Amino acid sequence: MKLKWIASIGVIATVFAAGVAVGQQGAASRREPQFENSEVMVWKSIVMPKQPLALHRHEHGRALISLNGGTLNVVDGNGKVMDVYKLEAGKAMWLDADKAGTQHADVNPGTQPVEVIVVQLKNDKPKM
């Protein structure tokens, strides 16, 4: 009886792990809104391996807090790497507003999803 119970737990754990792996493969990179008021907009970005976020730009400065570490390549519309962020879990970094007329995409060259929280200001003044 005890051996059947242990074997059942092993099967359940294996099925669960396989389901998580399949779910990650099918999931798309995305932004998940978290909070917004008159001062800030906060979202969670989940960047799946080899699935860039769509081209976009940031009109305002922002803090980026890494939840799990990893690498993000910031690429232009032609796929040229403009910057590389080596993220450490639990650490934050500051990013200024994007230069006028530019767009970028975030690419995860790794094998695991990269998750970050972004806190973007709404009322900062762009640098001249």
Protein backbone atom coordinates (compact mmCIF):
# COMPACT_ATOMS: atom_id res chain seq x y z
CA MET A 1 0.00 0.00 0.00
CA LYS A 2 2.76 2.44 0.99
CA LEU A 3 4.72 1.69 -2.21
CA LYS A 4 1.65 2.40 -4.38
CA TRP A 5 1.16 5.75 -2.60
CA ILE A 6 4.81 6.73 -3.14
CA ALA A 7 4.64 5.65 -6.79
CA SER A 8 1.46 7.72 -7.25
CA ILE A 9 3.18 10.83 -5.85
CA GLY A 10 6.09 10.26 -8.25
CA VAL A 11 3.72 10.02 -11.23
CA ILE A 12 1.83 13.17 -10.17
CA ALA A 13 5.10 15.10 -9.75
CA THR A 14 6.32 13.99 -13.19
CA VAL A 15 3.04 14.95 -14.87
CA PHE A 16 3.07 18.33 -13.10
CA ALA A 17 6.67 19.05 -14.16
CA ALA A 18 5.90 18.07 -17.77
CA GLY A 19 2.82 20.31 -17.73
CA VAL A 20 4.87 23.27 -16.50
CA ALA A 21 7.48 22.73 -19.22
CA VAL A 22 4.83 22.46 -21.94
CA GLY A 23 3.03 25.53 -20.56
CA GLN A 24 6.23 27.57 -20.68
CA GLN A 25 6.92 26.54 -24.26
CA GLY A 26 3.46 27.65 -25.37
CA ALA A 27 3.37 30.90 -23.39
CA ALA A 28 4.09 34.20 -25.11
CA SER A 29 6.19 37.09 -23.86
CA ARG A 30 3.89 39.65 -22.34
CA ARG A 31 3.23 42.56 -20.00
CA GLU A 32 0.87 42.12 -17.08
CA PRO A 33 -0.47 45.40 -15.61
CA GLN A 34 0.02 45.61 -11.83
CA PHE A 35 -0.84 49.14 -10.68
CA GLU A 36 -1.38 52.63 -12.03
CA ASN A 37 -2.09 56.05 -10.57
CA SER A 38 -1.36 59.67 -11.57
CA GLU A 39 2.36 59.28 -10.78
CA VAL A 40 3.44 55.81 -11.95
CA MET A 41 2.53 52.88 -14.16
CA VAL A 42 3.67 49.45 -12.93
CA TRP A 43 3.73 46.23 -14.90
CA LYS A 44 5.33 42.81 -14.85
CA SER A 45 7.12 41.79 -18.04
CA ILE A 46 7.63 38.11 -18.73
CA VAL A 47 10.06 37.59 -21.59
CA MET A 48 10.10 34.02 -22.81
CA PRO A 49 13.22 32.55 -24.43
CA LYS A 50 13.55 33.59 -28.09
CA GLN A 51 10.15 35.39 -27.96
CA PRO A 52 10.82 39.14 -27.94
CA LEU A 53 8.40 41.70 -26.64
CA ALA A 54 6.93 43.76 -29.49
CA LEU A 55 8.75 46.93 -30.59
CA HIS A 56 7.94 49.78 -28.21
CA ARG A 57 9.38 52.88 -26.58
CA HIS A 58 9.39 54.49 -23.15
CA GLU A 59 8.59 58.19 -22.96
CA HIS A 60 9.51 58.28 -19.27
CA GLY A 61 12.21 57.03 -16.93
CA ARG A 62 11.66 53.79 -15.10
CA ALA A 63 13.02 51.43 -12.48
CA LEU A 64 13.36 47.79 -13.49
CA ILE A 65 13.43 45.17 -10.73
CA SER A 66 14.52 41.66 -11.70
CA LEU A 67 12.49 38.87 -10.11
CA ASN A 68 14.56 35.92 -11.27
CA GLY A 69 17.72 37.12 -13.03
CA GLY A 70 18.82 36.41 -16.57
CA THR A 71 19.89 38.38 -19.62
CA LEU A 72 17.85 40.74 -21.78
CA ASN A 73 19.13 42.03 -25.10
CA VAL A 74 17.65 45.35 -26.17
CA VAL A 75 17.38 45.33 -29.97
CA ASP A 76 16.30 47.85 -32.57
CA GLY A 77 13.77 47.20 -35.35
CA ASN A 78 16.44 45.45 -37.43
CA GLY A 79 17.41 43.10 -34.60
CA LYS A 80 20.70 44.91 -33.89
CA VAL A 81 21.66 44.60 -30.20
CA MET A 82 21.80 48.12 -28.72
CA ASP A 83 22.28 47.12 -25.07
CA VAL A 84 22.56 44.02 -22.88
CA TYR A 85 21.17 43.86 -19.35
CA LYS A 86 22.66 41.21 -17.06
CA LEU A 87 19.93 40.93 -14.45
CA GLU A 88 20.39 39.68 -10.90
CA ALA A 89 17.36 38.45 -8.98
CA GLY A 90 16.14 41.01 -6.46
CA LYS A 91 18.25 43.87 -7.87
CA ALA A 92 16.94 47.08 -9.39
CA MET A 93 18.29 49.36 -12.10
CA TRP A 94 17.30 52.75 -13.51
CA LEU A 95 16.59 53.32 -17.20
CA ASP A 96 16.12 56.79 -18.66
CA ALA A 97 13.41 57.61 -21.18
CA ASP A 98 14.19 56.37 -24.68
CA LYS A 99 15.73 58.72 -27.20
CA ALA A 100 13.21 60.51 -29.42
CA GLY A 101 12.18 58.57 -32.50
CA THR A 102 13.58 55.22 -31.33
CA GLN A 103 11.92 51.91 -30.60
CA HIS A 104 13.25 48.69 -29.17
CA ALA A 105 12.30 45.12 -28.35
CA ASP A 106 13.49 43.05 -25.39
CA VAL A 107 14.90 39.63 -26.28
CA ASN A 108 15.66 36.81 -23.86
CA PRO A 109 18.56 34.77 -25.31
CA GLY A 110 18.44 32.30 -22.40
CA THR A 111 16.49 29.10 -21.84
CA GLN A 112 14.27 30.21 -18.93
CA PRO A 113 11.70 33.05 -18.78
CA VAL A 114 12.98 36.41 -17.50
CA GLU A 115 10.55 38.23 -15.21
CA VAL A 116 10.86 41.89 -14.21
CA ILE A 117 8.71 44.49 -12.52
CA VAL A 118 8.83 47.90 -14.21
CA VAL A 119 7.87 51.08 -12.34
CA GLN A 120 7.63 53.86 -14.91
CA LEU A 121 7.23 57.49 -13.89
CA LYS A 122 4.53 59.53 -15.59
CA ASN A 123 5.52 63.08 -14.67
CA ASP A 124 9.31 63.17 -15.02
CA LYS A 125 10.78 65.72 -17.36
CA PRO A 126 12.75 64.35 -20.31
CA LYS A 127 16.45 65.17 -20.39
CA MET A 128 17.49 67.82 -22.89
